[in-house]
Amino acid sequence: MRLFTVTAQEEAAKTIKQHVDDNTARYSMSEDEALKTAEAIGVAAVRYFDLAHPSDYVFSFDTVLSFRGNTSVYLQYAISRLATLRTQAEQKNIQAGPVNISNTIERELALHIILFQEYVNRAVNELAPSVLCDYLLKVCCYRLCVLML
């Protein structure tokens, strides 16, 4: 990590914890679970932001902890949303079936997923983890678009 310290990660965790506390009706977890979750999200947010930005930038907690854009909070939200949909499908006994790509967004997502190994190779060859951050953001954006169809 370039400039980030444990202090930045702790501050991010406090901010996330405050969000959880402010939205207790939405989250059903114990105080200990909320603290551990906030710490994990806060640390990931700071680390991801550093990896996602290959050059100098101005650090801002508002940007790092945003639910929009190229942030770990956004990516974690997308993953959480997908996990919720999978759980709901399992509860309704909906089984996965053959994939039927029926529109442009689904096709673009499928083609983008196929490129994963190329992105990994590029990130390694260029010593640029930001390449993978960009890839993940695109996958999450496509997935959320497909879910809204």
N, C-alpha and C. Protein backbone atom coordinates (compact mmCIF):
# COMPACT_ATOMS: atom_id res chain seq x y z
N MET A 1 0.83 -1.17 0.00
CA MET A 1 0.00 0.00 0.00
C MET A 1 0.88 1.23 0.00
N ARG A 2 0.49 2.23 -0.78
CA ARG A 2 1.34 3.41 -0.89
C ARG A 2 1.27 4.28 0.37
N LEU A 3 0.17 4.94 0.58
CA LEU A 3 0.09 5.93 1.64
C LEU A 3 -0.85 5.54 2.78
N PHE A 4 -1.54 4.43 2.59
CA PHE A 4 -2.57 4.12 3.56
C PHE A 4 -2.02 3.41 4.78
N THR A 5 -2.54 3.78 5.89
CA THR A 5 -2.12 3.20 7.15
C THR A 5 -3.30 2.51 7.80
N VAL A 6 -3.03 1.89 8.91
CA VAL A 6 -4.10 1.26 9.68
C VAL A 6 -5.13 2.32 10.08
N THR A 7 -4.68 3.54 10.30
CA THR A 7 -5.60 4.62 10.68
C THR A 7 -6.66 4.85 9.61
N ALA A 8 -6.26 4.87 8.35
CA ALA A 8 -7.23 5.05 7.26
C ALA A 8 -8.22 3.90 7.23
N GLN A 9 -7.73 2.69 7.42
CA GLN A 9 -8.62 1.53 7.42
C GLN A 9 -9.57 1.58 8.61
N GLU A 10 -9.08 1.99 9.77
CA GLU A 10 -9.93 2.11 10.95
C GLU A 10 -11.00 3.17 10.74
N GLU A 11 -10.62 4.29 10.15
CA GLU A 11 -11.58 5.36 9.88
C GLU A 11 -12.66 4.89 8.90
N ALA A 12 -12.26 4.15 7.89
CA ALA A 12 -13.23 3.60 6.94
C ALA A 12 -14.18 2.65 7.65
N ALA A 13 -13.65 1.82 8.54
CA ALA A 13 -14.49 0.88 9.29
C ALA A 13 -15.49 1.64 10.16
N LYS A 14 -15.06 2.72 10.79
CA LYS A 14 -15.98 3.53 11.62
C LYS A 14 -17.10 4.10 10.78
N THR A 15 -16.77 4.57 9.59
CA THR A 15 -17.77 5.16 8.70
C THR A 15 -18.79 4.10 8.28
N ILE A 16 -18.31 2.93 7.91
CA ILE A 16 -19.22 1.83 7.53
C ILE A 16 -20.07 1.42 8.72
N LYS A 17 -19.47 1.33 9.89
CA LYS A 17 -20.21 0.94 11.11
C LYS A 17 -21.33 1.95 11.37
N GLN A 18 -21.04 3.23 11.19
CA GLN A 18 -22.07 4.25 11.38
C GLN A 18 -23.21 4.04 10.39
N HIS A 19 -22.88 3.69 9.15
CA HIS A 19 -23.92 3.41 8.15
C HIS A 19 -24.80 2.24 8.60
N VAL A 20 -24.16 1.19 9.11
CA VAL A 20 -24.92 0.03 9.59
C VAL A 20 -25.80 0.44 10.77
N ASP A 21 -25.24 1.20 11.70
CA ASP A 21 -26.01 1.64 12.87
C ASP A 21 -27.20 2.52 12.45
N ASP A 22 -27.00 3.36 11.45
CA ASP A 22 -28.06 4.25 10.98
C ASP A 22 -29.16 3.50 10.23
N ASN A 23 -28.86 2.27 9.80
CA ASN A 23 -29.82 1.48 9.01
C ASN A 23 -30.10 0.14 9.67
N THR A 24 -30.23 0.13 10.99
CA THR A 24 -30.39 -1.13 11.71
C THR A 24 -31.61 -1.93 11.26
N ALA A 25 -32.63 -1.25 10.78
CA ALA A 25 -33.82 -1.97 10.32
C ALA A 25 -33.52 -2.83 9.10
N ARG A 26 -32.53 -2.42 8.30
CA ARG A 26 -32.18 -3.16 7.09
C ARG A 26 -31.25 -4.32 7.36
N TYR A 27 -30.52 -4.26 8.46
CA TYR A 27 -29.51 -5.27 8.75
C TYR A 27 -29.88 -6.00 10.03
N SER A 28 -29.95 -7.31 9.96
CA SER A 28 -30.24 -8.09 11.15
C SER A 28 -28.97 -8.82 11.57
N MET A 29 -28.18 -8.15 12.41
CA MET A 29 -26.94 -8.75 12.89
C MET A 29 -26.65 -8.21 14.28
N SER A 30 -25.89 -8.99 15.01
CA SER A 30 -25.50 -8.58 16.35
C SER A 30 -24.50 -7.43 16.27
N GLU A 31 -24.26 -6.78 17.40
CA GLU A 31 -23.29 -5.68 17.45
C GLU A 31 -21.91 -6.18 17.06
N ASP A 32 -21.55 -7.37 17.52
CA ASP A 32 -20.24 -7.94 17.18
C ASP A 32 -20.13 -8.23 15.69
N GLU A 33 -21.20 -8.79 15.11
CA GLU A 33 -21.21 -9.06 13.67
C GLU A 33 -21.12 -7.76 12.87
N ALA A 34 -21.83 -6.74 13.33
CA ALA A 34 -21.81 -5.45 12.64
C ALA A 34 -20.41 -4.85 12.67
N LEU A 35 -19.73 -4.95 13.81
CA LEU A 35 -18.38 -4.41 13.94
C LEU A 35 -17.40 -5.15 13.04
N LYS A 36 -17.47 -6.48 13.04
CA LYS A 36 -16.58 -7.27 12.19
C LYS A 36 -16.84 -7.01 10.71
N THR A 37 -18.10 -6.90 10.34
CA THR A 37 -18.45 -6.62 8.95
C THR A 37 -17.95 -5.25 8.53
N ALA A 38 -18.15 -4.26 9.40
CA ALA A 38 -17.69 -2.91 9.10
C ALA A 38 -16.18 -2.86 8.95
N GLU A 39 -15.47 -3.57 9.81
CA GLU A 39 -14.01 -3.61 9.71
C GLU A 39 -13.57 -4.24 8.39
N ALA A 40 -14.18 -5.35 8.02
CA ALA A 40 -13.82 -6.03 6.77
C ALA A 40 -14.11 -5.14 5.56
N ILE A 41 -15.27 -4.50 5.55
CA ILE A 41 -15.63 -3.64 4.43
C ILE A 41 -14.71 -2.42 4.38
N GLY A 42 -14.43 -1.83 5.53
CA GLY A 42 -13.57 -0.65 5.58
C GLY A 42 -12.15 -0.94 5.10
N VAL A 43 -11.57 -2.03 5.58
CA VAL A 43 -10.22 -2.41 5.15
C VAL A 43 -10.21 -2.71 3.65
N ALA A 44 -11.19 -3.47 3.19
CA ALA A 44 -11.25 -3.80 1.76
C ALA A 44 -11.43 -2.54 0.92
N ALA A 45 -12.22 -1.59 1.40
CA ALA A 45 -12.46 -0.37 0.64
C ALA A 45 -11.17 0.41 0.42
N VAL A 46 -10.38 0.55 1.47
CA VAL A 46 -9.13 1.30 1.36
C VAL A 46 -8.14 0.56 0.47
N ARG A 47 -8.00 -0.74 0.70
CA ARG A 47 -7.05 -1.52 -0.10
C ARG A 47 -7.44 -1.55 -1.57
N TYR A 48 -8.72 -1.79 -1.84
CA TYR A 48 -9.18 -1.85 -3.24
C TYR A 48 -8.96 -0.51 -3.93
N PHE A 49 -9.30 0.57 -3.26
CA PHE A 49 -9.17 1.88 -3.88
C PHE A 49 -7.72 2.15 -4.27
N ASP A 50 -6.81 1.74 -3.42
CA ASP A 50 -5.39 1.92 -3.71
C ASP A 50 -4.99 1.09 -4.93
N LEU A 51 -5.47 -0.14 -5.01
CA LEU A 51 -5.13 -1.00 -6.15
C LEU A 51 -5.81 -0.54 -7.45
N ALA A 52 -6.98 0.04 -7.32
CA ALA A 52 -7.75 0.43 -8.50
C ALA A 52 -7.23 1.70 -9.15
N HIS A 53 -6.40 2.44 -8.44
CA HIS A 53 -5.90 3.72 -8.96
C HIS A 53 -4.39 3.65 -9.09
N PRO A 54 -3.92 3.37 -10.29
CA PRO A 54 -2.48 3.12 -10.48
C PRO A 54 -1.59 4.34 -10.34
N SER A 55 -2.13 5.53 -10.34
CA SER A 55 -1.28 6.71 -10.23
C SER A 55 -1.72 7.53 -9.02
N ASP A 56 -1.06 8.64 -8.81
CA ASP A 56 -1.40 9.50 -7.68
C ASP A 56 -2.84 9.97 -7.77
N TYR A 57 -3.46 10.14 -6.62
CA TYR A 57 -4.84 10.61 -6.55
C TYR A 57 -5.07 11.24 -5.20
N VAL A 58 -6.15 11.95 -5.08
CA VAL A 58 -6.53 12.56 -3.81
C VAL A 58 -7.44 11.58 -3.09
N PHE A 59 -7.05 11.23 -1.87
CA PHE A 59 -7.83 10.28 -1.08
C PHE A 59 -9.02 10.98 -0.44
N SER A 60 -10.18 10.38 -0.57
CA SER A 60 -11.40 10.91 0.03
C SER A 60 -12.25 9.74 0.51
N PHE A 61 -12.62 9.77 1.80
CA PHE A 61 -13.46 8.68 2.31
C PHE A 61 -14.80 8.64 1.60
N ASP A 62 -15.33 9.79 1.23
CA ASP A 62 -16.61 9.80 0.50
C ASP A 62 -16.50 9.02 -0.80
N THR A 63 -15.38 9.15 -1.48
CA THR A 63 -15.16 8.43 -2.74
C THR A 63 -14.88 6.95 -2.47
N VAL A 64 -13.99 6.67 -1.53
CA VAL A 64 -13.60 5.29 -1.22
C VAL A 64 -14.79 4.46 -0.76
N LEU A 65 -15.69 5.06 0.00
CA LEU A 65 -16.80 4.31 0.59
C LEU A 65 -18.11 4.48 -0.18
N SER A 66 -18.02 4.98 -1.39
CA SER A 66 -19.21 5.20 -2.19
C SER A 66 -19.82 3.87 -2.66
N PHE A 67 -21.13 3.85 -2.75
CA PHE A 67 -21.84 2.69 -3.29
C PHE A 67 -21.92 2.77 -4.81
N ARG A 68 -21.27 3.76 -5.40
CA ARG A 68 -21.27 3.93 -6.85
C ARG A 68 -19.84 4.02 -7.36
N GLY A 69 -19.65 3.56 -8.57
CA GLY A 69 -18.35 3.70 -9.21
C GLY A 69 -17.41 2.57 -8.87
N ASN A 70 -16.15 2.77 -9.17
CA ASN A 70 -15.13 1.74 -9.03
C ASN A 70 -14.62 1.67 -7.60
N THR A 71 -15.47 1.14 -6.71
CA THR A 71 -15.13 0.98 -5.30
C THR A 71 -15.44 -0.44 -4.86
N SER A 72 -14.76 -0.88 -3.82
CA SER A 72 -15.04 -2.23 -3.32
C SER A 72 -16.43 -2.29 -2.70
N VAL A 73 -16.90 -1.18 -2.15
CA VAL A 73 -18.24 -1.17 -1.56
C VAL A 73 -19.28 -1.47 -2.65
N TYR A 74 -19.11 -0.86 -3.82
CA TYR A 74 -20.02 -1.13 -4.93
C TYR A 74 -19.93 -2.60 -5.37
N LEU A 75 -18.71 -3.10 -5.50
CA LEU A 75 -18.54 -4.50 -5.92
C LEU A 75 -19.11 -5.46 -4.88
N GLN A 76 -18.88 -5.17 -3.61
CA GLN A 76 -19.41 -6.03 -2.56
C GLN A 76 -20.94 -5.97 -2.54
N TYR A 77 -21.51 -4.81 -2.81
CA TYR A 77 -22.96 -4.70 -2.91
C TYR A 77 -23.49 -5.58 -4.05
N ALA A 78 -22.82 -5.52 -5.20
CA ALA A 78 -23.25 -6.32 -6.35
C ALA A 78 -23.20 -7.80 -6.01
N ILE A 79 -22.14 -8.24 -5.35
CA ILE A 79 -22.00 -9.64 -4.95
C ILE A 79 -23.10 -10.01 -3.95
N SER A 80 -23.33 -9.13 -3.00
CA SER A 80 -24.38 -9.39 -2.00
C SER A 80 -25.75 -9.49 -2.65
N ARG A 81 -26.00 -8.62 -3.60
CA ARG A 81 -27.29 -8.65 -4.31
C ARG A 81 -27.47 -9.97 -5.06
N LEU A 82 -26.42 -10.41 -5.73
CA LEU A 82 -26.48 -11.69 -6.45
C LEU A 82 -26.68 -12.86 -5.49
N ALA A 83 -26.00 -12.81 -4.35
CA ALA A 83 -26.16 -13.88 -3.36
C ALA A 83 -27.59 -13.92 -2.83
N THR A 84 -28.18 -12.76 -2.62
CA THR A 84 -29.57 -12.69 -2.16
C THR A 84 -30.51 -13.30 -3.20
N LEU A 85 -30.28 -12.97 -4.46
CA LEU A 85 -31.12 -13.53 -5.53
C LEU A 85 -30.98 -15.05 -5.61
N ARG A 86 -29.74 -15.55 -5.43
CA ARG A 86 -29.53 -17.00 -5.45
C ARG A 86 -30.26 -17.66 -4.28
N THR A 87 -30.18 -17.05 -3.10
CA THR A 87 -30.87 -17.60 -1.93
C THR A 87 -32.37 -17.62 -2.16
N GLN A 88 -32.92 -16.54 -2.70
CA GLN A 88 -34.35 -16.49 -2.99
C GLN A 88 -34.75 -17.56 -4.00
N ALA A 89 -33.92 -17.77 -4.99
CA ALA A 89 -34.21 -18.81 -6.00
C ALA A 89 -34.20 -20.19 -5.35
N GLU A 90 -33.23 -20.44 -4.48
CA GLU A 90 -33.17 -21.73 -3.78
C GLU A 90 -34.38 -21.94 -2.89
N GLN A 91 -34.82 -20.89 -2.20
CA GLN A 91 -35.99 -20.99 -1.33
C GLN A 91 -37.26 -21.29 -2.13
N LYS A 92 -37.30 -20.82 -3.35
CA LYS A 92 -38.45 -21.06 -4.23
C LYS A 92 -38.25 -22.31 -5.09
N ASN A 93 -37.14 -23.02 -4.83
CA ASN A 93 -36.80 -24.25 -5.54
C ASN A 93 -36.67 -24.02 -7.05
N ILE A 94 -36.11 -22.89 -7.40
CA ILE A 94 -35.85 -22.58 -8.81
C ILE A 94 -34.48 -23.14 -9.16
N GLN A 95 -34.44 -24.00 -10.14
CA GLN A 95 -33.19 -24.65 -10.54
C GLN A 95 -32.58 -23.93 -11.74
N ALA A 96 -31.26 -23.92 -11.76
CA ALA A 96 -30.56 -23.34 -12.92
C ALA A 96 -30.79 -24.24 -14.12
N GLY A 97 -30.94 -23.63 -15.24
CA GLY A 97 -31.16 -24.39 -16.48
C GLY A 97 -30.17 -23.95 -17.53
N PRO A 98 -30.41 -24.35 -18.74
CA PRO A 98 -29.54 -23.94 -19.83
C PRO A 98 -29.51 -22.42 -19.96
N VAL A 99 -28.38 -21.91 -20.34
CA VAL A 99 -28.23 -20.47 -20.52
C VAL A 99 -28.77 -20.10 -21.89
N ASN A 100 -29.66 -19.13 -21.90
CA ASN A 100 -30.23 -18.64 -23.15
C ASN A 100 -29.92 -17.15 -23.25
N ILE A 101 -28.94 -16.81 -24.04
CA ILE A 101 -28.56 -15.41 -24.20
C ILE A 101 -29.53 -14.78 -25.18
N SER A 102 -30.35 -13.85 -24.65
CA SER A 102 -31.44 -13.35 -25.47
C SER A 102 -31.36 -11.86 -25.78
N ASN A 103 -30.34 -11.17 -25.27
CA ASN A 103 -30.25 -9.75 -25.60
C ASN A 103 -28.78 -9.31 -25.62
N THR A 104 -28.57 -8.09 -26.03
CA THR A 104 -27.22 -7.56 -26.22
C THR A 104 -26.42 -7.52 -24.92
N ILE A 105 -27.05 -7.10 -23.84
CA ILE A 105 -26.33 -6.99 -22.56
C ILE A 105 -25.86 -8.36 -22.08
N GLU A 106 -26.72 -9.37 -22.18
CA GLU A 106 -26.32 -10.72 -21.78
C GLU A 106 -25.16 -11.22 -22.64
N ARG A 107 -25.21 -10.93 -23.93
CA ARG A 107 -24.13 -11.35 -24.83
C ARG A 107 -22.83 -10.65 -24.45
N GLU A 108 -22.89 -9.35 -24.20
CA GLU A 108 -21.69 -8.61 -23.81
C GLU A 108 -21.10 -9.15 -22.51
N LEU A 109 -21.96 -9.49 -21.54
CA LEU A 109 -21.49 -10.06 -20.28
C LEU A 109 -20.79 -11.39 -20.52
N ALA A 110 -21.41 -12.25 -21.30
CA ALA A 110 -20.81 -13.56 -21.60
C ALA A 110 -19.45 -13.41 -22.27
N LEU A 111 -19.36 -12.52 -23.24
CA LEU A 111 -18.09 -12.29 -23.93
C LEU A 111 -17.04 -11.70 -22.99
N HIS A 112 -17.47 -10.84 -22.09
CA HIS A 112 -16.54 -10.24 -21.14
C HIS A 112 -16.01 -11.29 -20.15
N ILE A 113 -16.87 -12.17 -19.70
CA ILE A 113 -16.44 -13.22 -18.76
C ILE A 113 -15.41 -14.13 -19.41
N ILE A 114 -15.59 -14.41 -20.67
CA ILE A 114 -14.63 -15.25 -21.41
C ILE A 114 -13.23 -14.63 -21.41
N LEU A 115 -13.13 -13.32 -21.30
CA LEU A 115 -11.85 -12.62 -21.36
C LEU A 115 -11.10 -12.59 -20.02
N PHE A 116 -11.63 -13.23 -19.00
CA PHE A 116 -11.02 -13.15 -17.66
C PHE A 116 -9.53 -13.48 -17.66
N GLN A 117 -9.16 -14.60 -18.26
CA GLN A 117 -7.75 -15.01 -18.25
C GLN A 117 -6.86 -13.97 -18.93
N GLU A 118 -7.35 -13.35 -19.98
CA GLU A 118 -6.58 -12.30 -20.65
C GLU A 118 -6.34 -11.11 -19.73
N TYR A 119 -7.34 -10.76 -18.94
CA TYR A 119 -7.19 -9.65 -17.99
C TYR A 119 -6.19 -10.02 -16.89
N VAL A 120 -6.26 -11.25 -16.42
CA VAL A 120 -5.30 -11.70 -15.40
C VAL A 120 -3.89 -11.62 -15.97
N ASN A 121 -3.70 -12.15 -17.16
CA ASN A 121 -2.37 -12.11 -17.78
C ASN A 121 -1.88 -10.68 -17.95
N ARG A 122 -2.76 -9.82 -18.39
CA ARG A 122 -2.37 -8.41 -18.58
C ARG A 122 -1.99 -7.76 -17.25
N ALA A 123 -2.78 -8.02 -16.21
CA ALA A 123 -2.48 -7.46 -14.89
C ALA A 123 -1.12 -7.93 -14.40
N VAL A 124 -0.81 -9.20 -14.61
CA VAL A 124 0.48 -9.76 -14.18
C VAL A 124 1.61 -9.17 -15.01
N ASN A 125 1.46 -9.19 -16.32
CA ASN A 125 2.52 -8.70 -17.21
C ASN A 125 2.82 -7.22 -17.02
N GLU A 126 1.79 -6.44 -16.74
CA GLU A 126 1.97 -5.00 -16.57
C GLU A 126 2.18 -4.60 -15.11
N LEU A 127 2.12 -5.60 -14.22
CA LEU A 127 2.18 -5.31 -12.77
C LEU A 127 1.16 -4.24 -12.41
N ALA A 128 -0.06 -4.46 -12.88
CA ALA A 128 -1.12 -3.46 -12.74
C ALA A 128 -2.40 -4.10 -12.23
N PRO A 129 -2.56 -4.19 -10.91
CA PRO A 129 -3.80 -4.76 -10.37
C PRO A 129 -5.04 -3.97 -10.76
N SER A 130 -4.85 -2.72 -11.15
CA SER A 130 -6.00 -1.91 -11.56
C SER A 130 -6.71 -2.51 -12.77
N VAL A 131 -6.00 -3.29 -13.56
CA VAL A 131 -6.61 -3.95 -14.73
C VAL A 131 -7.71 -4.91 -14.24
N LEU A 132 -7.43 -5.66 -13.18
CA LEU A 132 -8.44 -6.57 -12.64
C LEU A 132 -9.58 -5.81 -11.97
N CYS A 133 -9.27 -4.70 -11.33
CA CYS A 133 -10.32 -3.87 -10.74
C CYS A 133 -11.29 -3.39 -11.81
N ASP A 134 -10.76 -2.94 -12.93
CA ASP A 134 -11.61 -2.50 -14.04
C ASP A 134 -12.47 -3.65 -14.57
N TYR A 135 -11.85 -4.82 -14.69
CA TYR A 135 -12.57 -6.00 -15.18
C TYR A 135 -13.75 -6.32 -14.24
N LEU A 136 -13.49 -6.37 -12.95
CA LEU A 136 -14.53 -6.70 -11.98
C LEU A 136 -15.67 -5.69 -12.01
N LEU A 137 -15.33 -4.42 -12.13
CA LEU A 137 -16.35 -3.39 -12.21
C LEU A 137 -17.26 -3.62 -13.41
N LYS A 138 -16.66 -3.93 -14.56
CA LYS A 138 -17.46 -4.17 -15.76
C LYS A 138 -18.37 -5.38 -15.60
N VAL A 139 -17.85 -6.45 -15.01
CA VAL A 139 -18.67 -7.65 -14.80
C VAL A 139 -19.85 -7.32 -13.90
N CYS A 140 -19.60 -6.61 -12.81
CA CYS A 140 -20.69 -6.27 -11.90
C CYS A 140 -21.71 -5.36 -12.57
N CYS A 141 -21.26 -4.43 -13.35
CA CYS A 141 -22.19 -3.54 -14.06
C CYS A 141 -23.05 -4.33 -15.03
N TYR A 142 -22.45 -5.24 -15.78
CA TYR A 142 -23.22 -6.08 -16.71
C TYR A 142 -24.22 -6.94 -15.95
N ARG A 143 -23.76 -7.57 -14.87
CA ARG A 143 -24.64 -8.47 -14.12
C ARG A 143 -25.85 -7.72 -13.57
N LEU A 144 -25.61 -6.54 -13.02
CA LEU A 144 -26.74 -5.78 -12.49
C LEU A 144 -27.67 -5.34 -13.61
N CYS A 145 -27.13 -5.01 -14.78
CA CYS A 145 -27.98 -4.64 -15.92
C CYS A 145 -28.83 -5.82 -16.35
N VAL A 146 -28.24 -7.01 -16.40
CA VAL A 146 -28.97 -8.21 -16.79
C VAL A 146 -30.09 -8.50 -15.80
N LEU A 147 -29.82 -8.31 -14.50
CA LEU A 147 -30.82 -8.58 -13.48
C LEU A 147 -32.01 -7.64 -13.60
N MET A 148 -31.79 -6.46 -14.14
CA MET A 148 -32.86 -5.48 -14.25
C MET A 148 -33.73 -5.69 -15.48
N LEU A 149 -33.34 -6.61 -16.37
CA LEU A 149 -34.12 -6.82 -17.59
C LEU A 149 -35.44 -7.50 -17.29
